[in-house]
N, C-alpha and C. Protein backbone atom coordinates (compact mmCIF):
# COMPACT_ATOMS: atom_id res chain seq x y z
N UNK A 1 4.70 -10.21 -17.49
CA UNK A 1 5.17 -10.15 -16.20
C UNK A 1 4.99 -11.43 -15.49
N UNK A 2 5.72 -11.96 -14.76
CA UNK A 2 5.56 -13.13 -13.93
C UNK A 2 4.62 -12.86 -12.67
N UNK A 3 3.55 -13.69 -12.55
CA UNK A 3 2.56 -13.41 -11.55
C UNK A 3 3.00 -13.57 -10.15
N UNK A 4 4.22 -13.96 -9.92
CA UNK A 4 4.91 -14.03 -8.61
C UNK A 4 6.04 -13.10 -8.44
N UNK A 5 6.00 -12.15 -9.53
CA UNK A 5 7.12 -11.08 -9.36
C UNK A 5 6.80 -10.12 -8.40
N UNK A 6 7.74 -9.33 -7.69
CA UNK A 6 7.35 -8.23 -6.85
C UNK A 6 6.45 -7.43 -7.24
N UNK A 7 6.59 -7.13 -8.65
CA UNK A 7 5.72 -6.11 -9.15
C UNK A 7 4.28 -6.59 -9.19
N UNK A 8 4.03 -7.69 -9.62
CA UNK A 8 2.75 -8.48 -9.66
C UNK A 8 2.15 -8.57 -8.46
N UNK A 9 3.00 -8.87 -7.44
CA UNK A 9 2.34 -9.13 -6.14
C UNK A 9 1.85 -7.67 -5.59
N UNK A 10 2.53 -6.59 -5.70
CA UNK A 10 2.09 -5.37 -5.24
C UNK A 10 1.15 -4.96 -6.14
N UNK A 11 0.91 -5.09 -7.38
CA UNK A 11 -0.07 -4.64 -8.22
C UNK A 11 -1.34 -5.40 -7.60
N UNK A 12 -1.37 -6.46 -7.49
CA UNK A 12 -2.54 -7.36 -6.86
C UNK A 12 -2.93 -6.75 -5.46
N UNK A 13 -1.97 -6.48 -4.64
CA UNK A 13 -2.29 -5.83 -3.46
C UNK A 13 -2.99 -4.54 -3.58
N UNK A 14 -2.56 -3.68 -4.35
CA UNK A 14 -3.20 -2.37 -4.79
C UNK A 14 -4.69 -2.67 -5.35
N UNK A 15 -4.79 -3.76 -6.20
CA UNK A 15 -6.12 -4.07 -6.65
C UNK A 15 -7.04 -4.58 -5.62
N UNK A 16 -6.53 -5.25 -4.56
CA UNK A 16 -7.32 -5.87 -3.35
C UNK A 16 -7.69 -4.35 -2.46
N UNK A 17 -6.65 -3.64 -2.25
CA UNK A 17 -7.07 -2.35 -1.58
C UNK A 17 -8.21 -1.64 -2.27
N UNK A 18 -7.96 -1.36 -3.38
CA UNK A 18 -8.97 -0.70 -4.24
C UNK A 18 -10.36 -1.25 -4.25
N UNK A 19 -10.33 -2.55 -4.14
CA UNK A 19 -11.57 -3.34 -4.26
C UNK A 19 -12.12 -3.83 -2.94
N UNK A 20 -11.42 -3.06 -1.76
CA UNK A 20 -11.98 -3.53 -0.34
C UNK A 20 -11.98 -4.95 -0.10
N UNK A 21 -10.98 -5.79 -0.63
CA UNK A 21 -10.91 -7.15 -0.50
C UNK A 21 -9.85 -7.45 0.63
N UNK A 22 -10.51 -7.51 1.82
CA UNK A 22 -9.69 -7.80 3.06
C UNK A 22 -8.90 -9.14 2.94
N UNK A 23 -9.57 -10.11 2.46
CA UNK A 23 -8.98 -11.60 2.59
C UNK A 23 -7.92 -11.48 1.58
N UNK A 24 -8.10 -10.81 0.25
CA UNK A 24 -7.14 -10.80 -0.73
C UNK A 24 -5.93 -9.93 -0.13
N UNK A 25 -6.03 -8.87 0.69
CA UNK A 25 -5.10 -8.10 1.16
C UNK A 25 -4.20 -9.10 2.11
N UNK A 26 -4.91 -9.61 3.02
CA UNK A 26 -4.15 -10.52 4.11
C UNK A 26 -3.44 -11.60 3.44
N UNK A 27 -3.96 -12.08 2.26
CA UNK A 27 -3.31 -13.33 1.57
C UNK A 27 -1.91 -12.84 0.94
N UNK A 28 -1.74 -11.51 0.87
CA UNK A 28 -0.58 -11.00 0.27
C UNK A 28 0.57 -10.51 1.21
N UNK A 29 0.24 -10.56 2.57
CA UNK A 29 1.24 -10.03 3.59
C UNK A 29 1.77 -11.25 4.33
N UNK A 30 3.07 -10.98 4.65
CA UNK A 30 3.70 -11.99 5.40
C UNK A 30 3.36 -11.93 6.86
N UNK A 31 3.65 -12.96 7.53
CA UNK A 31 3.23 -12.99 8.88
C UNK A 31 3.93 -11.86 9.79
N UNK A 32 5.05 -11.52 9.34
CA UNK A 32 5.80 -10.64 10.11
C UNK A 32 5.93 -9.16 9.50
N UNK A 33 4.73 -8.83 8.81
CA UNK A 33 4.57 -7.67 8.04
C UNK A 33 4.83 -6.39 9.00
N UNK A 34 5.39 -5.51 8.23
CA UNK A 34 5.78 -4.14 8.98
C UNK A 34 5.20 -3.07 8.12
N UNK A 35 4.31 -2.22 8.75
CA UNK A 35 3.50 -1.31 8.03
C UNK A 35 4.24 0.06 8.69
N UNK A 36 4.57 1.02 7.68
CA UNK A 36 5.08 2.23 8.39
C UNK A 36 4.32 3.35 7.82
N UNK A 37 3.51 4.16 8.50
CA UNK A 37 2.50 5.12 7.88
C UNK A 37 3.32 6.29 7.57
N UNK A 38 2.58 7.21 6.98
CA UNK A 38 3.45 8.69 6.57
C UNK A 38 3.78 9.23 7.68
N UNK A 39 3.26 9.27 8.90
CA UNK A 39 3.94 9.86 10.08
C UNK A 39 5.00 9.30 10.57
N UNK A 40 5.43 8.02 10.03
CA UNK A 40 6.56 7.14 10.66
C UNK A 40 6.11 6.16 11.87
N UNK A 41 4.99 6.03 12.02
CA UNK A 41 4.36 5.20 13.01
C UNK A 41 4.55 3.62 12.44
N UNK A 42 5.14 2.89 13.21
CA UNK A 42 5.60 1.54 12.92
C UNK A 42 4.51 0.45 13.39
N UNK A 43 3.91 -0.28 12.63
CA UNK A 43 2.95 -1.33 13.00
C UNK A 43 3.52 -2.59 12.68
N UNK A 44 3.81 -3.54 13.69
CA UNK A 44 4.38 -4.70 13.44
C UNK A 44 3.59 -5.94 13.44
N UNK A 45 3.85 -6.80 12.61
CA UNK A 45 2.81 -8.13 12.75
C UNK A 45 1.52 -7.94 12.95
N UNK A 46 0.89 -7.03 12.17
CA UNK A 46 -0.40 -6.69 12.29
C UNK A 46 -1.09 -6.55 10.98
N UNK A 47 -1.57 -7.71 10.45
CA UNK A 47 -2.15 -7.78 9.36
C UNK A 47 -3.61 -7.22 9.19
N UNK A 48 -4.02 -6.93 10.19
CA UNK A 48 -5.40 -6.08 10.55
C UNK A 48 -5.23 -4.58 10.37
N UNK A 49 -4.02 -4.11 10.26
CA UNK A 49 -3.78 -2.68 10.16
C UNK A 49 -4.54 -1.91 9.03
N UNK A 50 -4.43 -2.52 7.91
CA UNK A 50 -5.11 -2.15 6.73
C UNK A 50 -6.61 -2.29 6.64
N UNK A 51 -6.99 -3.49 7.18
CA UNK A 51 -8.45 -3.69 7.36
C UNK A 51 -9.13 -2.64 8.21
N UNK A 52 -8.44 -2.35 9.25
CA UNK A 52 -8.89 -1.22 10.22
C UNK A 52 -8.93 0.06 9.48
N UNK A 53 -8.03 0.49 8.59
CA UNK A 53 -7.94 1.62 7.91
C UNK A 53 -9.09 1.70 6.93
N UNK A 54 -9.25 0.64 6.30
CA UNK A 54 -10.35 0.54 5.13
C UNK A 54 -11.85 0.57 5.78
N UNK A 55 -11.79 -0.02 7.00
CA UNK A 55 -13.17 0.09 7.69
C UNK A 55 -13.53 1.52 7.87
N UNK A 56 -12.44 2.21 8.28
CA UNK A 56 -12.76 3.70 8.64
C UNK A 56 -13.11 4.56 7.34
N UNK A 57 -12.24 4.23 6.36
CA UNK A 57 -12.42 4.81 5.04
C UNK A 57 -12.37 4.09 3.90
N UNK A 58 -13.78 3.38 3.69
CA UNK A 58 -14.20 2.49 2.78
C UNK A 58 -14.04 2.94 1.32
N UNK A 59 -13.95 4.25 1.11
CA UNK A 59 -13.66 4.72 -0.24
C UNK A 59 -12.33 4.97 -0.59
N UNK A 60 -11.34 4.62 0.23
CA UNK A 60 -9.89 4.90 -0.04
C UNK A 60 -9.55 4.03 -1.39
N UNK A 61 -8.73 4.79 -2.16
CA UNK A 61 -8.21 4.14 -3.34
C UNK A 61 -6.86 4.81 -3.65
N UNK A 62 -5.93 3.87 -4.01
CA UNK A 62 -4.67 4.07 -4.48
C UNK A 62 -4.82 4.24 -6.13
N UNK A 63 -4.21 5.53 -6.37
CA UNK A 63 -4.09 5.66 -7.97
C UNK A 63 -2.76 5.69 -8.53
N UNK A 64 -2.36 4.79 -9.12
CA UNK A 64 -0.98 4.65 -9.50
C UNK A 64 -0.55 5.40 -10.75
N UNK A 65 0.54 6.25 -10.47
CA UNK A 65 1.01 6.95 -11.59
C UNK A 65 2.29 6.47 -12.24
N UNK A 66 3.06 5.66 -11.48
CA UNK A 66 4.33 4.96 -11.90
C UNK A 66 4.72 4.05 -10.89
N UNK A 67 5.61 3.31 -11.55
CA UNK A 67 6.13 2.01 -10.77
C UNK A 67 7.63 2.10 -10.85
N UNK A 68 8.42 2.15 -9.67
CA UNK A 68 9.92 1.66 -9.77
C UNK A 68 10.24 0.41 -9.27
N UNK A 69 11.04 -0.33 -9.79
CA UNK A 69 11.61 -1.59 -9.32
C UNK A 69 12.92 -1.65 -9.02
N UNK A 70 13.31 -2.40 -8.08
CA UNK A 70 14.74 -2.64 -7.65
C UNK A 70 14.71 -3.82 -6.85
N UNK A 71 15.20 -5.00 -7.63
CA UNK A 71 15.26 -6.30 -6.90
C UNK A 71 13.85 -6.70 -6.24
N UNK A 72 13.86 -6.87 -5.00
CA UNK A 72 12.47 -7.20 -4.39
C UNK A 72 11.75 -6.07 -3.89
N UNK A 73 12.31 -4.87 -4.25
CA UNK A 73 11.56 -3.65 -3.78
C UNK A 73 10.70 -3.06 -4.90
N UNK A 74 9.44 -2.45 -4.52
CA UNK A 74 8.71 -1.90 -5.51
C UNK A 74 8.16 -0.57 -4.96
N UNK A 75 8.42 0.47 -5.71
CA UNK A 75 7.89 1.86 -5.20
C UNK A 75 6.76 2.22 -6.31
N UNK A 76 5.65 2.60 -5.58
CA UNK A 76 4.62 3.18 -6.40
C UNK A 76 4.54 4.75 -6.07
N UNK A 77 4.38 5.49 -7.12
CA UNK A 77 4.25 6.96 -7.05
C UNK A 77 2.69 7.24 -7.46
N UNK A 78 1.96 7.89 -6.62
CA UNK A 78 0.64 8.21 -7.01
C UNK A 78 -0.13 9.07 -6.15
N UNK A 79 -1.31 9.00 -6.10
CA UNK A 79 -2.27 9.72 -5.13
C UNK A 79 -3.42 8.81 -4.57
N UNK A 80 -4.09 9.37 -3.61
CA UNK A 80 -5.03 8.72 -3.18
C UNK A 80 -6.46 9.40 -3.26
N UNK A 81 -7.52 8.84 -3.05
CA UNK A 81 -8.77 9.42 -2.91
C UNK A 81 -9.52 8.64 -1.67
N UNK A 82 -10.33 9.34 -1.00
CA UNK A 82 -10.98 8.57 0.11
C UNK A 82 -10.27 8.39 1.21
N UNK A 83 -9.23 9.10 1.44
CA UNK A 83 -8.30 8.62 2.71
C UNK A 83 -8.79 9.69 3.91
N UNK A 84 -7.85 9.69 4.82
CA UNK A 84 -8.19 10.34 6.02
C UNK A 84 -8.05 11.99 5.79
N UNK A 85 -7.52 12.39 4.72
CA UNK A 85 -7.29 13.79 4.59
C UNK A 85 -8.27 14.31 3.54
N UNK A 86 -8.35 15.64 3.50
CA UNK A 86 -9.38 16.31 2.71
C UNK A 86 -9.10 16.03 1.32
N UNK A 87 -10.27 16.13 0.34
CA UNK A 87 -9.99 15.99 -0.95
C UNK A 87 -9.04 17.13 -1.74
N UNK A 88 -9.08 18.29 -0.97
CA UNK A 88 -8.30 19.35 -1.54
C UNK A 88 -6.75 18.99 -1.35
N UNK A 89 -6.42 18.28 -0.25
CA UNK A 89 -5.12 17.99 0.12
C UNK A 89 -4.69 16.68 -0.80
N UNK A 90 -5.71 15.77 -0.95
CA UNK A 90 -5.39 14.60 -1.82
C UNK A 90 -5.09 15.03 -3.17
N UNK A 91 -5.85 16.11 -3.81
CA UNK A 91 -5.56 16.58 -5.12
C UNK A 91 -4.18 17.02 -5.37
N UNK A 92 -3.51 17.62 -4.19
CA UNK A 92 -2.18 18.07 -4.31
C UNK A 92 -1.13 17.50 -3.87
N UNK A 93 -1.40 16.22 -3.40
CA UNK A 93 -0.57 15.28 -2.57
C UNK A 93 0.05 14.28 -3.47
N UNK A 94 1.30 14.21 -3.54
CA UNK A 94 2.03 12.92 -4.02
C UNK A 94 2.40 12.05 -3.05
N UNK A 95 2.12 10.58 -3.28
CA UNK A 95 2.34 9.60 -2.20
C UNK A 95 3.33 8.73 -2.98
N UNK A 96 4.26 8.06 -2.04
CA UNK A 96 4.97 7.03 -2.67
C UNK A 96 4.96 5.93 -1.64
N UNK A 97 4.45 4.75 -2.12
CA UNK A 97 4.29 3.66 -1.26
C UNK A 97 5.62 2.74 -1.62
N UNK A 98 6.31 2.25 -0.75
CA UNK A 98 7.45 1.33 -0.93
C UNK A 98 7.19 0.04 -0.19
N UNK A 99 7.21 -0.92 -1.05
CA UNK A 99 7.10 -2.30 -0.63
C UNK A 99 8.29 -3.29 -0.79
N UNK A 100 8.56 -4.07 0.08
CA UNK A 100 9.60 -5.10 0.07
C UNK A 100 8.95 -6.43 0.05
N UNK A 101 9.23 -7.14 -0.93
CA UNK A 101 8.53 -8.61 -1.15
C UNK A 101 9.63 -9.58 -0.83
N UNK A 102 9.20 -10.54 0.07
CA UNK A 102 9.96 -11.74 0.37
C UNK A 102 9.05 -12.94 0.35
N UNK A 103 9.60 -13.91 -0.35
CA UNK A 103 9.00 -15.21 -0.68
C UNK A 103 7.47 -14.98 -0.99
N UNK A 104 7.30 -14.21 -1.93
CA UNK A 104 6.05 -13.98 -2.65
C UNK A 104 5.00 -13.35 -1.87
N UNK A 105 5.39 -12.56 -0.75
CA UNK A 105 4.49 -11.78 0.13
C UNK A 105 5.23 -10.50 0.47
N UNK A 106 4.46 -9.50 0.79
CA UNK A 106 4.72 -8.15 1.13
C UNK A 106 5.29 -8.34 2.61
N UNK A 107 6.51 -7.95 2.76
CA UNK A 107 7.01 -8.02 4.20
C UNK A 107 7.03 -6.63 4.86
N UNK A 108 7.08 -5.49 3.94
CA UNK A 108 7.06 -4.20 4.49
C UNK A 108 6.28 -3.40 3.63
N UNK A 109 5.52 -2.55 4.03
CA UNK A 109 4.64 -1.62 3.29
C UNK A 109 4.93 -0.16 3.94
N UNK A 110 5.61 0.71 3.21
CA UNK A 110 5.81 1.95 3.91
C UNK A 110 5.23 3.13 2.97
N UNK A 111 4.65 4.27 3.62
CA UNK A 111 4.06 5.31 3.02
C UNK A 111 4.98 6.60 3.12
N UNK A 112 4.98 7.33 2.05
CA UNK A 112 5.83 8.75 2.08
C UNK A 112 4.80 9.60 1.51
N UNK A 113 4.38 10.61 2.12
CA UNK A 113 3.47 11.70 1.65
C UNK A 113 4.07 12.93 1.63
N UNK A 114 3.89 13.91 0.66
CA UNK A 114 4.28 15.14 0.87
C UNK A 114 3.25 15.95 0.15
N UNK A 115 2.67 17.12 0.87
CA UNK A 115 1.74 17.92 0.26
C UNK A 115 2.32 18.98 -0.19
N UNK A 116 1.69 19.75 -1.26
CA UNK A 116 2.25 21.06 -1.85
C UNK A 116 1.95 22.00 -0.95
């Protein structure tokens, strides 16, 4: 896998999130980053969005179960631990993170969540 492929960039981002590496996270985000959370709230041009979330939930981890690729798009299917929801919900919740990579940086990070 090419280190600059969309998949490699998204995998590195997940590694930085799971390691709490805020500088690493910021280094992989475009200046015009768009975060869309599971509630549909849109955060534009705010690289500090993920840092703020990790400050509130330092044990937050993304557990990757599968990855789907399409051009510059990468979708991760998995679960979380340490998030803002209870461990009981996390255990039964499937999350999809959809990323759009442009020019070697994540330009959009969208979260879809569905609880059983």
